[in-house]
Amino acid sequence: MSDLSPKVIRIRSTPKTIQLVPYWPDNAETWFLLAEADFCEHGITDQRSQLLAVIHALPREFSKYVTSQMLSPEVSNSYELLKASLLRRNALTDRQRLDELFRNIELEDQSAVSMLTRMKQVVGQCQFDEGLFRELFLTKLPQSVQTVLVTLEGTVIEDLAITADKILEITKRSVPEVCSVTKQTSS
């Protein structure tokens, strides 16, 4: 007699793994965008595989954001839970964002383009009036630069920053002339 029962073959595949760049606590939103691009590129769609990759990329001090619930096989959205927890940690309130924009970002020794980039990072995904943002950017520049840039109405802010850097470069190179006058007394 021949055995006509179907044979079951079990294939066990190991989940795909990926090594992400170390976590950037100061720019978590961008880091998650890069991580998700890596997941997409490597075909990693499983939440648990994504979670484990993120856990491996986290510095030790961020382990407190990983909960036992996230590691449970019953939880289907474990990666999203960890991502939301880490992003909430970095989220600034609107008041904190304004405070950062008004008080903590200055031109100092950086370029106008770098300052603008930092300002945009602080604003993040929040809605901010474009005209107000432009004015705030201009007020952080030296008066001599503002005088030139204010005449460039309709120019996109990124181009204003580039122009500001060109003006700043020229003014750094120019050395002011100093004259001295002495008064001779007649004796």
C-alpha atoms as a PDB file:
ATOM      1  CA  MET A   1       0.000   0.000   0.000  1.00  0.00           C
ATOM      2  CA  SER A   2       1.277   3.427  -0.818  1.00  0.00           C
ATOM      3  CA  ASP A   3       0.911   6.393   1.465  1.00  0.00           C
ATOM      4  CA  LEU A   4      -1.294   8.942  -0.337  1.00  0.00           C
ATOM      5  CA  SER A   5      -1.477  11.439   2.470  1.00  0.00           C
ATOM      6  CA  PRO A   6       0.013  14.817   1.593  1.00  0.00           C
ATOM      7  CA  LYS A   7       3.338  15.637   3.115  1.00  0.00           C
ATOM      8  CA  VAL A   8       3.660  18.918   4.894  1.00  0.00           C
ATOM      9  CA  ILE A   9       6.932  20.689   4.503  1.00  0.00           C
ATOM     10  CA  ARG A  10       7.572  23.485   6.914  1.00  0.00           C
ATOM     11  CA  ILE A  11       9.885  26.178   5.784  1.00  0.00           C
ATOM     12  CA  ARG A  12      11.189  28.461   8.408  1.00  0.00           C
ATOM     13  CA  SER A  13      12.537  31.744   7.192  1.00  0.00           C
ATOM     14  CA  THR A  14      14.478  34.138   9.291  1.00  0.00           C
ATOM     15  CA  PRO A  15      13.174  37.670   9.312  1.00  0.00           C
ATOM     16  CA  LYS A  16      15.190  40.221   7.419  1.00  0.00           C
ATOM     17  CA  THR A  17      17.450  42.312   9.575  1.00  0.00           C
ATOM     18  CA  ILE A  18      19.055  45.649   8.981  1.00  0.00           C
ATOM     19  CA  GLN A  19      21.560  47.779  10.818  1.00  0.00           C
ATOM     20  CA  LEU A  20      20.425  51.378  11.043  1.00  0.00           C
ATOM     21  CA  VAL A  21      22.667  54.355  11.666  1.00  0.00           C
ATOM     22  CA  PRO A  22      22.817  55.241  15.371  1.00  0.00           C
ATOM     23  CA  TYR A  23      19.798  57.157  16.626  1.00  0.00           C
ATOM     24  CA  TRP A  24      19.918  60.959  16.418  1.00  0.00           C
ATOM     25  CA  PRO A  25      18.185  62.248  19.561  1.00  0.00           C
ATOM     26  CA  ASP A  26      18.504  65.859  18.412  1.00  0.00           C
ATOM     27  CA  ASN A  27      16.770  65.153  15.089  1.00  0.00           C
ATOM     28  CA  ALA A  28      14.467  62.193  15.632  1.00  0.00           C
ATOM     29  CA  GLU A  29      12.017  63.053  12.837  1.00  0.00           C
ATOM     30  CA  THR A  30      14.728  63.002  10.191  1.00  0.00           C
ATOM     31  CA  TRP A  31      16.269  59.866  11.672  1.00  0.00           C
ATOM     32  CA  PHE A  32      12.930  58.032  11.426  1.00  0.00           C
ATOM     33  CA  LEU A  33      12.530  59.174   7.810  1.00  0.00           C
ATOM     34  CA  LEU A  34      15.929  57.659   7.000  1.00  0.00           C
ATOM     35  CA  ALA A  35      15.150  54.486   8.939  1.00  0.00           C
ATOM     36  CA  GLU A  36      11.865  54.039   7.087  1.00  0.00           C
ATOM     37  CA  ALA A  37      13.611  54.615   3.758  1.00  0.00           C
ATOM     38  CA  ASP A  38      16.061  51.835   4.725  1.00  0.00           C
ATOM     39  CA  PHE A  39      13.150  49.569   5.675  1.00  0.00           C
ATOM     40  CA  CYS A  40      11.515  50.216   2.324  1.00  0.00           C
ATOM     41  CA  GLU A  41      14.750  49.669   0.403  1.00  0.00           C
ATOM     42  CA  HIS A  42      15.350  46.324   2.134  1.00  0.00           C
ATOM     43  CA  GLY A  43      11.713  45.193   1.957  1.00  0.00           C
ATOM     44  CA  ILE A  44      11.211  45.180   5.710  1.00  0.00           C
ATOM     45  CA  THR A  45       7.521  45.670   6.399  1.00  0.00           C
ATOM     46  CA  ASP A  46       7.156  43.611   9.573  1.00  0.00           C
ATOM     47  CA  GLN A  47       6.605  45.830  12.641  1.00  0.00           C
ATOM     48  CA  ARG A  48       8.601  43.534  14.900  1.00  0.00           C
ATOM     49  CA  SER A  49      11.649  43.562  12.585  1.00  0.00           C
ATOM     50  CA  GLN A  50      11.420  47.347  12.370  1.00  0.00           C
ATOM     51  CA  LEU A  51      11.124  47.584  16.163  1.00  0.00           C
ATOM     52  CA  LEU A  52      14.189  45.410  16.738  1.00  0.00           C
ATOM     53  CA  ALA A  53      16.250  47.407  14.238  1.00  0.00           C
ATOM     54  CA  VAL A  54      15.325  50.645  16.023  1.00  0.00           C
ATOM     55  CA  ILE A  55      16.081  49.161  19.456  1.00  0.00           C
ATOM     56  CA  HIS A  56      19.551  48.162  18.249  1.00  0.00           C
ATOM     57  CA  ALA A  57      20.157  51.720  16.992  1.00  0.00           C
ATOM     58  CA  LEU A  58      19.149  53.383  20.268  1.00  0.00           C
ATOM     59  CA  PRO A  59      21.759  54.556  22.769  1.00  0.00           C
ATOM     60  CA  ARG A  60      21.466  52.902  26.188  1.00  0.00           C
ATOM     61  CA  GLU A  61      19.830  55.939  27.833  1.00  0.00           C
ATOM     62  CA  PHE A  62      16.841  55.559  25.486  1.00  0.00           C
ATOM     63  CA  SER A  63      16.080  51.984  26.537  1.00  0.00           C
ATOM     64  CA  LYS A  64      13.532  53.370  29.008  1.00  0.00           C
ATOM     65  CA  TYR A  65      11.268  54.102  26.020  1.00  0.00           C
ATOM     66  CA  VAL A  66      11.122  50.392  25.124  1.00  0.00           C
ATOM     67  CA  THR A  67       8.337  48.752  27.104  1.00  0.00           C
ATOM     68  CA  SER A  68       7.614  45.072  27.676  1.00  0.00           C
ATOM     69  CA  GLN A  69       4.294  45.630  25.890  1.00  0.00           C
ATOM     70  CA  MET A  70       6.179  46.540  22.707  1.00  0.00           C
ATOM     71  CA  LEU A  71       8.145  43.301  22.868  1.00  0.00           C
ATOM     72  CA  SER A  72       5.018  41.175  23.244  1.00  0.00           C
ATOM     73  CA  PRO A  73       4.198  39.094  20.141  1.00  0.00           C
ATOM     74  CA  GLU A  74       0.513  39.997  20.561  1.00  0.00           C
ATOM     75  CA  VAL A  75       1.174  43.680  19.827  1.00  0.00           C
ATOM     76  CA  SER A  76       0.918  44.282  16.099  1.00  0.00           C
ATOM     77  CA  ASN A  77       2.040  47.922  16.025  1.00  0.00           C
ATOM     78  CA  SER A  78       5.115  47.733  18.255  1.00  0.00           C
ATOM     79  CA  TYR A  79       7.332  49.807  15.952  1.00  0.00           C
ATOM     80  CA  GLU A  80       4.726  52.588  15.732  1.00  0.00           C
ATOM     81  CA  LEU A  81       4.399  52.629  19.531  1.00  0.00           C
ATOM     82  CA  LEU A  82       8.144  53.090  20.022  1.00  0.00           C
ATOM     83  CA  LYS A  83       8.361  55.675  17.252  1.00  0.00           C
ATOM     84  CA  ALA A  84       5.492  57.707  18.766  1.00  0.00           C
ATOM     85  CA  SER A  85       7.097  57.496  22.216  1.00  0.00           C
ATOM     86  CA  LEU A  86      10.456  58.766  20.949  1.00  0.00           C
ATOM     87  CA  LEU A  87       8.916  61.536  18.856  1.00  0.00           C
ATOM     88  CA  ARG A  88       6.763  62.694  21.794  1.00  0.00           C
ATOM     89  CA  ARG A  89       9.938  62.984  23.847  1.00  0.00           C
ATOM     90  CA  ASN A  90      11.360  65.408  21.289  1.00  0.00           C
ATOM     91  CA  ALA A  91       8.171  67.312  20.606  1.00  0.00           C
ATOM     92  CA  LEU A  92       8.315  70.966  21.514  1.00  0.00           C
ATOM     93  CA  THR A  93       5.191  72.822  22.459  1.00  0.00           C
ATOM     94  CA  ASP A  94       4.292  75.805  20.292  1.00  0.00           C
ATOM     95  CA  ARG A  95       5.445  78.084  23.092  1.00  0.00           C
ATOM     96  CA  GLN A  96       8.801  76.298  23.315  1.00  0.00           C
ATOM     97  CA  ARG A  97       9.218  76.590  19.539  1.00  0.00           C
ATOM     98  CA  LEU A  98       8.582  80.327  19.636  1.00  0.00           C
ATOM     99  CA  ASP A  99      10.932  80.739  22.551  1.00  0.00           C
ATOM    100  CA  GLU A 100      13.627  78.832  20.661  1.00  0.00           C
ATOM    101  CA  LEU A 101      13.084  80.930  17.526  1.00  0.00           C
ATOM    102  CA  PHE A 102      13.094  84.282  19.311  1.00  0.00           C
ATOM    103  CA  ARG A 103      15.750  83.758  21.948  1.00  0.00           C
ATOM    104  CA  ASN A 104      18.042  80.871  21.149  1.00  0.00           C
ATOM    105  CA  ILE A 105      18.865  81.118  17.459  1.00  0.00           C
ATOM    106  CA  GLU A 106      21.341  83.780  16.454  1.00  0.00           C
ATOM    107  CA  LEU A 107      23.608  84.332  13.471  1.00  0.00           C
ATOM    108  CA  GLU A 108      26.816  84.448  15.544  1.00  0.00           C
ATOM    109  CA  ASP A 109      29.579  82.684  13.571  1.00  0.00           C
ATOM    110  CA  GLN A 110      27.349  80.516  11.403  1.00  0.00           C
ATOM    111  CA  SER A 111      26.121  81.305   7.924  1.00  0.00           C
ATOM    112  CA  ALA A 112      22.697  82.760   7.229  1.00  0.00           C
ATOM    113  CA  VAL A 113      21.829  79.537   5.372  1.00  0.00           C
ATOM    114  CA  SER A 114      22.739  77.473   8.459  1.00  0.00           C
ATOM    115  CA  MET A 115      20.703  79.761  10.699  1.00  0.00           C
ATOM    116  CA  LEU A 116      17.703  79.459   8.370  1.00  0.00           C
ATOM    117  CA  THR A 117      18.040  75.666   8.363  1.00  0.00           C
ATOM    118  CA  ARG A 118      18.101  75.633  12.166  1.00  0.00           C
ATOM    119  CA  MET A 119      15.055  77.886  12.310  1.00  0.00           C
ATOM    120  CA  LYS A 120      13.167  75.558   9.950  1.00  0.00           C
ATOM    121  CA  GLN A 121      14.112  72.565  12.102  1.00  0.00           C
ATOM    122  CA  VAL A 122      12.674  74.281  15.166  1.00  0.00           C
ATOM    123  CA  VAL A 123       9.446  75.095  13.363  1.00  0.00           C
ATOM    124  CA  GLY A 124       9.307  71.494  12.114  1.00  0.00           C
ATOM    125  CA  GLN A 125       5.950  70.334  10.834  1.00  0.00           C
ATOM    126  CA  CYS A 126       4.026  73.120  12.588  1.00  0.00           C
ATOM    127  CA  GLN A 127       2.181  75.756  10.625  1.00  0.00           C
ATOM    128  CA  PHE A 128       3.948  79.093  10.866  1.00  0.00           C
ATOM    129  CA  ASP A 129       3.001  82.250   9.000  1.00  0.00           C
ATOM    130  CA  GLU A 130       5.462  82.571   6.111  1.00  0.00           C
ATOM    131  CA  GLY A 131       5.610  86.367   6.240  1.00  0.00           C
ATOM    132  CA  LEU A 132       6.225  86.383   9.978  1.00  0.00           C
ATOM    133  CA  PHE A 133       8.903  83.715   9.615  1.00  0.00           C
ATOM    134  CA  ARG A 134      10.609  85.765   6.899  1.00  0.00           C
ATOM    135  CA  GLU A 135      10.575  88.887   9.087  1.00  0.00           C
ATOM    136  CA  LEU A 136      11.919  86.958  12.051  1.00  0.00           C
ATOM    137  CA  PHE A 137      14.749  85.599   9.895  1.00  0.00           C
ATOM    138  CA  LEU A 138      15.613  89.091   8.645  1.00  0.00           C
ATOM    139  CA  THR A 139      15.688  90.548  12.174  1.00  0.00           C
ATOM    140  CA  LYS A 140      18.373  88.062  13.155  1.00  0.00           C
ATOM    141  CA  LEU A 141      20.720  89.445  10.495  1.00  0.00           C
ATOM    142  CA  PRO A 142      22.939  92.531  10.894  1.00  0.00           C
ATOM    143  CA  GLN A 143      21.249  95.850  10.060  1.00  0.00           C
ATOM    144  CA  SER A 144      23.477  96.408   7.010  1.00  0.00           C
ATOM    145  CA  VAL A 145      22.368  93.078   5.534  1.00  0.00           C
ATOM    146  CA  GLN A 146      18.711  93.717   6.363  1.00  0.00           C
ATOM    147  CA  THR A 147      18.887  97.027   4.495  1.00  0.00           C
ATOM    148  CA  VAL A 148      19.865  95.249   1.284  1.00  0.00           C
ATOM    149  CA  LEU A 149      17.568  92.235   1.658  1.00  0.00           C
ATOM    150  CA  VAL A 150      14.434  94.232   2.438  1.00  0.00           C
ATOM    151  CA  THR A 151      14.566  95.559  -1.144  1.00  0.00           C
ATOM    152  CA  LEU A 152      14.327  92.006  -2.514  1.00  0.00           C
ATOM    153  CA  GLU A 153      10.586  91.522  -2.063  1.00  0.00           C
ATOM    154  CA  GLY A 154       9.195  88.370  -3.619  1.00  0.00           C
ATOM    155  CA  THR A 155      12.498  86.513  -3.273  1.00  0.00           C
ATOM    156  CA  VAL A 156      12.198  83.088  -1.647  1.00  0.00           C
ATOM    157  CA  ILE A 157      13.707  82.954   1.815  1.00  0.00           C
ATOM    158  CA  GLU A 158      16.355  80.398   0.838  1.00  0.00           C
ATOM    159  CA  ASP A 159      17.671  82.824  -1.805  1.00  0.00           C
ATOM    160  CA  LEU A 160      17.655  85.625   0.773  1.00  0.00           C
ATOM    161  CA  ALA A 161      19.844  83.489   3.031  1.00  0.00           C
ATOM    162  CA  ILE A 162      22.303  82.845   0.193  1.00  0.00           C
ATOM    163  CA  THR A 163      22.412  86.555  -0.632  1.00  0.00           C
ATOM    164  CA  ALA A 164      22.906  87.381   3.050  1.00  0.00           C
ATOM    165  CA  ASP A 165      25.893  85.042   3.172  1.00  0.00           C
ATOM    166  CA  LYS A 166      27.410  86.771   0.133  1.00  0.00           C
ATOM    167  CA  ILE A 167      26.945  90.194   1.752  1.00  0.00           C
ATOM    168  CA  LEU A 168      28.416  88.945   5.037  1.00  0.00           C
ATOM    169  CA  GLU A 169      31.421  87.519   3.194  1.00  0.00           C
ATOM    170  CA  ILE A 170      32.063  90.840   1.469  1.00  0.00           C
ATOM    171  CA  THR A 171      31.734  92.819   4.700  1.00  0.00           C
ATOM    172  CA  LYS A 172      34.096  90.438   6.517  1.00  0.00           C
ATOM    173  CA  ARG A 173      36.783  91.066   3.908  1.00  0.00           C
ATOM    174  CA  SER A 174      36.472  94.821   3.885  1.00  0.00           C
ATOM    175  CA  VAL A 175      38.572  96.550   6.482  1.00  0.00           C
ATOM    176  CA  PRO A 176      37.211  99.861   7.667  1.00  0.00           C
ATOM    177  CA  GLU A 177      39.528 102.800   7.220  1.00  0.00           C
ATOM    178  CA  VAL A 178      40.484 104.622  10.348  1.00  0.00           C
ATOM    179  CA  CYS A 179      41.680 108.185  10.124  1.00  0.00           C
ATOM    180  CA  SER A 180      43.223 110.222  12.843  1.00  0.00           C
ATOM    181  CA  VAL A 181      43.177 113.977  13.069  1.00  0.00           C
ATOM    182  CA  THR A 182      45.377 115.883  15.406  1.00  0.00           C
ATOM    183  CA  LYS A 183      45.038 119.493  16.177  1.00  0.00           C
ATOM    184  CA  GLN A 184      48.198 121.497  16.271  1.00  0.00           C
ATOM    185  CA  THR A 185      48.313 124.322  18.678  1.00  0.00           C
ATOM    186  CA  SER A 186      50.129 127.472  17.710  1.00  0.00           C
ATOM    187  CA  SER A 187      52.550 128.739  20.243  1.00  0.00           C
END
